[in-house]
Amino acid sequence: MAAGSGKIKDSQSRSTFTIRKLPDTERPRERLQRLGPEALSTPEILALILRQGVSGESILETAGRLLDTFGGIHNLSRAPLEELMKVRGIGLAKACQIVAAFELINRMKKSTRNEKRLVIRNPEAAYEELSGVARGEKKEHFWAILLDTRNNVIKSVEISVGSLDTSIVHPRELFKEAIAASASSIIIAHNHPSGNPEASREDIELSKRLIDAGKLIGIEVIDHIIITDDSFCSLKREGLI
């Protein structure tokens, strides 16, 4: 009997933990219903998406481990499907649930920006438009904010992605996007993964080439913004272009 009881206990200890097996006061769904979504921690919200943990681990522990693996919610939101599936307990179904949840957030943000029709009146507004997509990037990305005649944002587009410290931008690719959107003017921008927003000689020379190209086709390049995770540099404000 003792041996039999041991086997049952051992089998139960390795069973899969679901949200339903948590005490009522600890269940994220019940806490959300009672206190509202803002009262939930990030692991609790993620647990609601994943629903079921792995053997010997509660769903909240699985969610916390997943966040730790990627270093937080921001990096998790950018994780490819294949990388998510390398984490223990995250198969194709759960990985798809995570990617789909973050994609909904991205689409909501884009929809909100379109509804507001952000007006770019200064470099701070340009930085605000792009800081979210630029934050945490390890390579140089080059963007353009396309504007109408009243400086309303038509859309922001990524033009190119470089290596760890370089970004190659051809005027043809930049102005092709501007012409297709019927933009009256543009603001160009790129990030410095190093965290230093200071403009290099190459940044200044590139800006001047693109400004000259814009003059030929009647699309003004208003400014060039260099972005880091927590600061920016406006080449126009600094008198560099």
C-alpha atoms as a PDB file:
ATOM      1  CA  MET A   1       0.000   0.000   0.000  1.00  0.00           C
ATOM      2  CA  ALA A   2       2.838   2.393   0.911  1.00  0.00           C
ATOM      3  CA  ALA A   3       4.511   1.846  -2.447  1.00  0.00           C
ATOM      4  CA  GLY A   4       1.201   2.333  -4.265  1.00  0.00           C
ATOM      5  CA  SER A   5       0.535   5.584  -2.387  1.00  0.00           C
ATOM      6  CA  GLY A   6       4.006   6.826  -3.295  1.00  0.00           C
ATOM      7  CA  LYS A   7       3.371   6.252  -6.983  1.00  0.00           C
ATOM      8  CA  ILE A   8       0.082   8.135  -6.881  1.00  0.00           C
ATOM      9  CA  LYS A   9       1.680  11.066  -5.076  1.00  0.00           C
ATOM     10  CA  ASP A  10       4.629  11.134  -7.492  1.00  0.00           C
ATOM     11  CA  SER A  11       2.284  11.050 -10.478  1.00  0.00           C
ATOM     12  CA  GLN A  12       0.242  13.927  -9.088  1.00  0.00           C
ATOM     13  CA  SER A  13       3.351  16.041  -8.444  1.00  0.00           C
ATOM     14  CA  ARG A  14       4.273  15.838 -12.111  1.00  0.00           C
ATOM     15  CA  SER A  15       0.789  16.686 -13.396  1.00  0.00           C
ATOM     16  CA  THR A  16       0.157  19.733 -15.542  1.00  0.00           C
ATOM     17  CA  PHE A  17      -0.948  22.808 -13.602  1.00  0.00           C
ATOM     18  CA  THR A  18      -3.760  24.857 -15.098  1.00  0.00           C
ATOM     19  CA  ILE A  19      -5.356  28.108 -13.963  1.00  0.00           C
ATOM     20  CA  ARG A  20      -8.287  26.101 -12.579  1.00  0.00           C
ATOM     21  CA  LYS A  21      -5.977  24.371 -10.088  1.00  0.00           C
ATOM     22  CA  LEU A  22      -4.960  27.675  -8.523  1.00  0.00           C
ATOM     23  CA  PRO A  23      -6.836  28.934  -5.440  1.00  0.00           C
ATOM     24  CA  ASP A  24      -9.725  31.249  -6.337  1.00  0.00           C
ATOM     25  CA  THR A  25      -7.950  34.291  -4.890  1.00  0.00           C
ATOM     26  CA  GLU A  26      -4.897  33.669  -7.131  1.00  0.00           C
ATOM     27  CA  ARG A  27      -6.650  32.987 -10.411  1.00  0.00           C
ATOM     28  CA  PRO A  28      -5.895  35.783 -12.896  1.00  0.00           C
ATOM     29  CA  ARG A  29      -9.348  35.570 -14.481  1.00  0.00           C
ATOM     30  CA  GLU A  30     -11.151  35.981 -11.175  1.00  0.00           C
ATOM     31  CA  ARG A  31      -8.759  38.763 -10.127  1.00  0.00           C
ATOM     32  CA  LEU A  32      -9.395  40.570 -13.407  1.00  0.00           C
ATOM     33  CA  GLN A  33     -13.147  40.269 -12.943  1.00  0.00           C
ATOM     34  CA  ARG A  34     -12.972  41.483  -9.370  1.00  0.00           C
ATOM     35  CA  LEU A  35     -10.257  44.151  -9.576  1.00  0.00           C
ATOM     36  CA  GLY A  36      -9.964  45.062 -13.254  1.00  0.00           C
ATOM     37  CA  PRO A  37      -7.146  44.320 -15.767  1.00  0.00           C
ATOM     38  CA  GLU A  38      -4.875  47.076 -14.442  1.00  0.00           C
ATOM     39  CA  ALA A  39      -4.556  45.169 -11.132  1.00  0.00           C
ATOM     40  CA  LEU A  40      -2.945  42.154 -12.834  1.00  0.00           C
ATOM     41  CA  SER A  41       0.799  41.716 -13.109  1.00  0.00           C
ATOM     42  CA  THR A  42       2.406  41.066 -16.484  1.00  0.00           C
ATOM     43  CA  PRO A  43       2.882  37.330 -15.697  1.00  0.00           C
ATOM     44  CA  GLU A  44      -0.809  37.101 -14.760  1.00  0.00           C
ATOM     45  CA  ILE A  45      -1.907  38.671 -18.058  1.00  0.00           C
ATOM     46  CA  LEU A  46       0.412  36.354 -19.956  1.00  0.00           C
ATOM     47  CA  ALA A  47      -0.953  33.405 -17.971  1.00  0.00           C
ATOM     48  CA  LEU A  48      -4.473  34.241 -19.189  1.00  0.00           C
ATOM     49  CA  ILE A  49      -3.218  34.014 -22.770  1.00  0.00           C
ATOM     50  CA  LEU A  50      -1.301  30.758 -22.261  1.00  0.00           C
ATOM     51  CA  ARG A  51      -3.952  29.127 -19.982  1.00  0.00           C
ATOM     52  CA  GLN A  52      -1.962  25.967 -19.172  1.00  0.00           C
ATOM     53  CA  GLY A  53       1.472  25.423 -17.711  1.00  0.00           C
ATOM     54  CA  VAL A  54       3.812  22.456 -17.956  1.00  0.00           C
ATOM     55  CA  SER A  55       4.454  19.419 -15.800  1.00  0.00           C
ATOM     56  CA  GLY A  56       5.330  20.373 -12.229  1.00  0.00           C
ATOM     57  CA  GLU A  57       4.898  24.096 -12.808  1.00  0.00           C
ATOM     58  CA  SER A  58       1.929  26.447 -12.439  1.00  0.00           C
ATOM     59  CA  ILE A  59       0.895  28.593 -15.389  1.00  0.00           C
ATOM     60  CA  LEU A  60       2.033  31.703 -13.498  1.00  0.00           C
ATOM     61  CA  GLU A  61       5.476  30.165 -13.082  1.00  0.00           C
ATOM     62  CA  THR A  62       5.568  29.298 -16.787  1.00  0.00           C
ATOM     63  CA  ALA A  63       4.621  32.876 -17.675  1.00  0.00           C
ATOM     64  CA  GLY A  64       7.273  34.299 -15.350  1.00  0.00           C
ATOM     65  CA  ARG A  65       9.939  31.977 -16.753  1.00  0.00           C
ATOM     66  CA  LEU A  66       9.008  32.995 -20.300  1.00  0.00           C
ATOM     67  CA  LEU A  67       9.397  36.689 -19.437  1.00  0.00           C
ATOM     68  CA  ASP A  68      12.740  36.013 -17.741  1.00  0.00           C
ATOM     69  CA  THR A  69      13.987  34.058 -20.757  1.00  0.00           C
ATOM     70  CA  PHE A  70      13.490  37.035 -23.078  1.00  0.00           C
ATOM     71  CA  GLY A  71      14.365  39.722 -20.560  1.00  0.00           C
ATOM     72  CA  GLY A  72      10.928  41.284 -20.196  1.00  0.00           C
ATOM     73  CA  ILE A  73       7.761  42.099 -22.065  1.00  0.00           C
ATOM     74  CA  HIS A  74       9.387  44.362 -24.667  1.00  0.00           C
ATOM     75  CA  ASN A  75      11.783  41.713 -25.949  1.00  0.00           C
ATOM     76  CA  LEU A  76       9.075  39.064 -25.728  1.00  0.00           C
ATOM     77  CA  SER A  77       6.853  41.166 -27.995  1.00  0.00           C
ATOM     78  CA  ARG A  78       9.542  41.038 -30.708  1.00  0.00           C
ATOM     79  CA  ALA A  79      10.442  37.364 -30.364  1.00  0.00           C
ATOM     80  CA  PRO A  80      10.046  35.273 -33.538  1.00  0.00           C
ATOM     81  CA  LEU A  81       7.830  32.202 -33.478  1.00  0.00           C
ATOM     82  CA  GLU A  82      10.837  29.895 -33.727  1.00  0.00           C
ATOM     83  CA  GLU A  83      12.557  31.436 -30.689  1.00  0.00           C
ATOM     84  CA  LEU A  84       9.402  31.197 -28.585  1.00  0.00           C
ATOM     85  CA  MET A  85       9.090  27.504 -29.388  1.00  0.00           C
ATOM     86  CA  LYS A  86      12.587  26.859 -27.989  1.00  0.00           C
ATOM     87  CA  VAL A  87      11.299  27.641 -24.493  1.00  0.00           C
ATOM     88  CA  ARG A  88      10.199  24.605 -22.492  1.00  0.00           C
ATOM     89  CA  GLY A  89       6.428  24.294 -22.486  1.00  0.00           C
ATOM     90  CA  ILE A  90       5.878  26.675 -25.413  1.00  0.00           C
ATOM     91  CA  GLY A  91       4.747  24.707 -28.434  1.00  0.00           C
ATOM     92  CA  LEU A  92       3.376  25.983 -31.712  1.00  0.00           C
ATOM     93  CA  ALA A  93      -0.094  26.741 -30.311  1.00  0.00           C
ATOM     94  CA  LYS A  94       1.159  28.836 -27.383  1.00  0.00           C
ATOM     95  CA  ALA A  95       3.756  30.581 -29.534  1.00  0.00           C
ATOM     96  CA  CYS A  96       1.044  31.542 -32.025  1.00  0.00           C
ATOM     97  CA  GLN A  97      -1.140  32.853 -29.181  1.00  0.00           C
ATOM     98  CA  ILE A  98       1.683  35.096 -27.967  1.00  0.00           C
ATOM     99  CA  VAL A  99       2.558  36.429 -31.427  1.00  0.00           C
ATOM    100  CA  ALA A 100      -1.124  37.043 -32.230  1.00  0.00           C
ATOM    101  CA  ALA A 101      -1.676  38.957 -28.971  1.00  0.00           C
ATOM    102  CA  PHE A 102       1.201  41.345 -29.662  1.00  0.00           C
ATOM    103  CA  GLU A 103       0.128  41.774 -33.291  1.00  0.00           C
ATOM    104  CA  LEU A 104      -3.291  42.936 -32.076  1.00  0.00           C
ATOM    105  CA  ILE A 105      -1.529  45.554 -29.947  1.00  0.00           C
ATOM    106  CA  ASN A 106       0.538  46.716 -32.945  1.00  0.00           C
ATOM    107  CA  ARG A 107      -2.549  47.046 -35.110  1.00  0.00           C
ATOM    108  CA  MET A 108      -4.375  48.960 -32.397  1.00  0.00           C
ATOM    109  CA  LYS A 109      -1.468  51.417 -32.152  1.00  0.00           C
ATOM    110  CA  LYS A 110      -1.403  51.934 -35.915  1.00  0.00           C
ATOM    111  CA  SER A 111      -5.166  52.449 -36.001  1.00  0.00           C
ATOM    112  CA  THR A 112      -4.986  54.978 -33.165  1.00  0.00           C
ATOM    113  CA  ARG A 113      -2.231  56.930 -34.904  1.00  0.00           C
ATOM    114  CA  ASN A 114      -4.250  57.076 -38.107  1.00  0.00           C
ATOM    115  CA  GLU A 115      -7.337  58.301 -36.258  1.00  0.00           C
ATOM    116  CA  LYS A 116      -5.438  61.038 -34.450  1.00  0.00           C
ATOM    117  CA  ARG A 117      -3.639  62.275 -37.586  1.00  0.00           C
ATOM    118  CA  LEU A 118      -0.568  63.324 -35.638  1.00  0.00           C
ATOM    119  CA  VAL A 119       0.813  66.711 -36.654  1.00  0.00           C
ATOM    120  CA  ILE A 120       4.600  67.076 -36.656  1.00  0.00           C
ATOM    121  CA  ARG A 121       5.415  70.591 -35.470  1.00  0.00           C
ATOM    122  CA  ASN A 122       8.811  69.970 -33.872  1.00  0.00           C
ATOM    123  CA  PRO A 123      11.538  67.318 -33.480  1.00  0.00           C
ATOM    124  CA  GLU A 124       9.960  66.092 -30.236  1.00  0.00           C
ATOM    125  CA  ALA A 125       6.821  65.057 -32.131  1.00  0.00           C
ATOM    126  CA  ALA A 126       8.926  63.218 -34.715  1.00  0.00           C
ATOM    127  CA  TYR A 127      10.761  61.394 -31.939  1.00  0.00           C
ATOM    128  CA  GLU A 128       7.454  60.446 -30.316  1.00  0.00           C
ATOM    129  CA  GLU A 129       6.212  59.027 -33.617  1.00  0.00           C
ATOM    130  CA  LEU A 130       9.181  56.661 -33.987  1.00  0.00           C
ATOM    131  CA  SER A 131      10.581  56.044 -30.506  1.00  0.00           C
ATOM    132  CA  GLY A 132       8.313  53.045 -29.909  1.00  0.00           C
ATOM    133  CA  VAL A 133       9.437  51.120 -32.976  1.00  0.00           C
ATOM    134  CA  ALA A 134      13.087  52.138 -32.544  1.00  0.00           C
ATOM    135  CA  ARG A 135      13.479  51.192 -28.885  1.00  0.00           C
ATOM    136  CA  GLY A 136      15.614  48.132 -28.255  1.00  0.00           C
ATOM    137  CA  GLU A 137      16.761  47.646 -31.853  1.00  0.00           C
ATOM    138  CA  LYS A 138      20.284  46.228 -32.161  1.00  0.00           C
ATOM    139  CA  LYS A 139      20.802  47.212 -35.789  1.00  0.00           C
ATOM    140  CA  GLU A 140      20.479  50.549 -37.527  1.00  0.00           C
ATOM    141  CA  HIS A 141      17.057  51.116 -39.041  1.00  0.00           C
ATOM    142  CA  PHE A 142      16.227  54.009 -41.347  1.00  0.00           C
ATOM    143  CA  TRP A 143      12.696  55.443 -41.388  1.00  0.00           C
ATOM    144  CA  ALA A 144      10.790  58.200 -43.114  1.00  0.00           C
ATOM    145  CA  ILE A 145       7.811  60.084 -41.725  1.00  0.00           C
ATOM    146  CA  LEU A 146       5.685  61.068 -44.715  1.00  0.00           C
ATOM    147  CA  LEU A 147       3.755  64.333 -44.314  1.00  0.00           C
ATOM    148  CA  ASP A 148       0.972  66.104 -46.179  1.00  0.00           C
ATOM    149  CA  THR A 149       0.839  69.841 -46.909  1.00  0.00           C
ATOM    150  CA  ARG A 150      -0.286  70.579 -43.330  1.00  0.00           C
ATOM    151  CA  ASN A 151       2.447  68.461 -41.724  1.00  0.00           C
ATOM    152  CA  ASN A 152      -0.056  65.749 -40.805  1.00  0.00           C
ATOM    153  CA  VAL A 153       1.508  62.294 -40.702  1.00  0.00           C
ATOM    154  CA  ILE A 154       0.395  60.223 -43.677  1.00  0.00           C
ATOM    155  CA  LYS A 155       2.372  57.246 -42.428  1.00  0.00           C
ATOM    156  CA  SER A 156       5.788  56.219 -41.162  1.00  0.00           C
ATOM    157  CA  VAL A 157       7.743  53.665 -43.188  1.00  0.00           C
ATOM    158  CA  GLU A 158      10.910  51.682 -42.680  1.00  0.00           C
ATOM    159  CA  ILE A 159      13.242  52.250 -45.626  1.00  0.00           C
ATOM    160  CA  SER A 160      16.179  50.004 -44.778  1.00  0.00           C
ATOM    161  CA  VAL A 161      17.904  47.924 -42.112  1.00  0.00           C
ATOM    162  CA  GLY A 162      21.675  47.959 -41.787  1.00  0.00           C
ATOM    163  CA  SER A 163      24.280  45.939 -39.918  1.00  0.00           C
ATOM    164  CA  LEU A 164      25.154  46.477 -36.273  1.00  0.00           C
ATOM    165  CA  ASP A 165      26.421  49.993 -36.934  1.00  0.00           C
ATOM    166  CA  THR A 166      25.604  50.980 -40.523  1.00  0.00           C
ATOM    167  CA  SER A 167      22.522  51.693 -42.567  1.00  0.00           C
ATOM    168  CA  ILE A 168      22.591  52.046 -46.340  1.00  0.00           C
ATOM    169  CA  VAL A 169      19.925  54.335 -47.753  1.00  0.00           C
ATOM    170  CA  HIS A 170      19.438  55.014 -51.447  1.00  0.00           C
ATOM    171  CA  PRO A 171      17.429  58.096 -52.476  1.00  0.00           C
ATOM    172  CA  ARG A 172      15.448  55.968 -54.916  1.00  0.00           C
ATOM    173  CA  GLU A 173      14.006  53.782 -52.155  1.00  0.00           C
ATOM    174  CA  LEU A 174      13.270  56.748 -49.913  1.00  0.00           C
ATOM    175  CA  PHE A 175      11.467  58.907 -52.444  1.00  0.00           C
ATOM    176  CA  LYS A 176       9.659  55.985 -54.043  1.00  0.00           C
ATOM    177  CA  GLU A 177       7.708  55.660 -50.773  1.00  0.00           C
ATOM    178  CA  ALA A 178       7.121  59.415 -50.574  1.00  0.00           C
ATOM    179  CA  ILE A 179       5.860  59.670 -54.147  1.00  0.00           C
ATOM    180  CA  ALA A 180       3.560  56.652 -53.739  1.00  0.00           C
ATOM    181  CA  ALA A 181       1.973  58.275 -50.661  1.00  0.00           C
ATOM    182  CA  SER A 182       1.696  61.707 -52.361  1.00  0.00           C
ATOM    183  CA  ALA A 183       3.774  63.194 -49.543  1.00  0.00           C
ATOM    184  CA  SER A 184       4.507  66.905 -49.632  1.00  0.00           C
ATOM    185  CA  SER A 185       7.503  66.622 -47.305  1.00  0.00           C
ATOM    186  CA  ILE A 186       9.332  64.051 -45.208  1.00  0.00           C
ATOM    187  CA  ILE A 187      11.333  63.716 -42.037  1.00  0.00           C
ATOM    188  CA  ILE A 188      14.071  61.117 -42.177  1.00  0.00           C
ATOM    189  CA  ALA A 189      15.260  59.288 -39.088  1.00  0.00           C
ATOM    190  CA  HIS A 190      17.509  56.475 -37.992  1.00  0.00           C
ATOM    191  CA  ASN A 191      18.538  54.939 -34.692  1.00  0.00           C
ATOM    192  CA  HIS A 192      21.960  54.644 -33.083  1.00  0.00           C
ATOM    193  CA  PRO A 193      22.095  51.278 -31.262  1.00  0.00           C
ATOM    194  CA  SER A 194      25.184  52.543 -29.402  1.00  0.00           C
ATOM    195  CA  GLY A 195      22.961  54.902 -27.405  1.00  0.00           C
ATOM    196  CA  ASN A 196      24.877  58.004 -28.528  1.00  0.00           C
ATOM    197  CA  PRO A 197      22.569  60.360 -30.478  1.00  0.00           C
ATOM    198  CA  GLU A 198      25.398  62.568 -31.747  1.00  0.00           C
ATOM    199  CA  ALA A 199      25.447  62.927 -35.549  1.00  0.00           C
ATOM    200  CA  SER A 200      28.474  61.540 -37.360  1.00  0.00           C
ATOM    201  CA  ARG A 201      30.101  63.052 -40.425  1.00  0.00           C
ATOM    202  CA  GLU A 202      28.462  60.311 -42.502  1.00  0.00           C
ATOM    203  CA  ASP A 203      25.030  61.185 -41.030  1.00  0.00           C
ATOM    204  CA  ILE A 204      25.449  64.820 -42.038  1.00  0.00           C
ATOM    205  CA  GLU A 205      26.668  63.978 -45.543  1.00  0.00           C
ATOM    206  CA  LEU A 206      23.797  61.538 -46.094  1.00  0.00           C
ATOM    207  CA  SER A 207      21.297  64.165 -44.944  1.00  0.00           C
ATOM    208  CA  LYS A 208      22.618  66.717 -47.402  1.00  0.00           C
ATOM    209  CA  ARG A 209      22.511  64.236 -50.304  1.00  0.00           C
ATOM    210  CA  LEU A 210      18.895  63.332 -49.538  1.00  0.00           C
ATOM    211  CA  ILE A 211      17.914  66.989 -49.131  1.00  0.00           C
ATOM    212  CA  ASP A 212      19.413  67.761 -52.543  1.00  0.00           C
ATOM    213  CA  ALA A 213      17.623  64.784 -54.116  1.00  0.00           C
ATOM    214  CA  GLY A 214      14.339  65.942 -52.582  1.00  0.00           C
ATOM    215  CA  LYS A 215      14.729  69.401 -54.096  1.00  0.00           C
ATOM    216  CA  LEU A 216      15.006  67.886 -57.570  1.00  0.00           C
ATOM    217  CA  ILE A 217      11.657  66.139 -57.290  1.00  0.00           C
ATOM    218  CA  GLY A 218       9.836  68.701 -55.164  1.00  0.00           C
ATOM    219  CA  ILE A 219       9.672  66.844 -51.842  1.00  0.00           C
ATOM    220  CA  GLU A 220      11.237  68.736 -48.956  1.00  0.00           C
ATOM    221  CA  VAL A 221      13.347  66.882 -46.396  1.00  0.00           C
ATOM    222  CA  ILE A 222      12.448  68.855 -43.277  1.00  0.00           C
ATOM    223  CA  ASP A 223      14.783  67.261 -40.747  1.00  0.00           C
ATOM    224  CA  HIS A 224      16.903  64.257 -39.902  1.00  0.00           C
ATOM    225  CA  ILE A 225      16.314  62.777 -36.438  1.00  0.00           C
ATOM    226  CA  ILE A 226      18.790  60.422 -34.772  1.00  0.00           C
ATOM    227  CA  ILE A 227      17.061  58.235 -32.177  1.00  0.00           C
ATOM    228  CA  THR A 228      18.285  56.278 -29.167  1.00  0.00           C
ATOM    229  CA  ASP A 229      16.238  54.498 -26.510  1.00  0.00           C
ATOM    230  CA  ASP A 230      15.973  57.599 -24.324  1.00  0.00           C
ATOM    231  CA  SER A 231      17.110  60.614 -26.363  1.00  0.00           C
ATOM    232  CA  PHE A 232      17.356  62.075 -29.856  1.00  0.00           C
ATOM    233  CA  CYS A 233      19.225  64.599 -31.964  1.00  0.00           C
ATOM    234  CA  SER A 234      17.692  66.900 -34.566  1.00  0.00           C
ATOM    235  CA  LEU A 235      20.272  67.764 -37.206  1.00  0.00           C
ATOM    236  CA  LYS A 236      18.244  70.810 -38.232  1.00  0.00           C
ATOM    237  CA  ARG A 237      17.990  72.112 -34.660  1.00  0.00           C
ATOM    238  CA  GLU A 238      21.718  71.594 -34.205  1.00  0.00           C
ATOM    239  CA  GLY A 239      22.393  73.608 -37.372  1.00  0.00           C
ATOM    240  CA  LEU A 240      24.040  70.648 -39.115  1.00  0.00           C
ATOM    241  CA  ILE A 241      21.741  70.743 -42.171  1.00  0.00           C
END
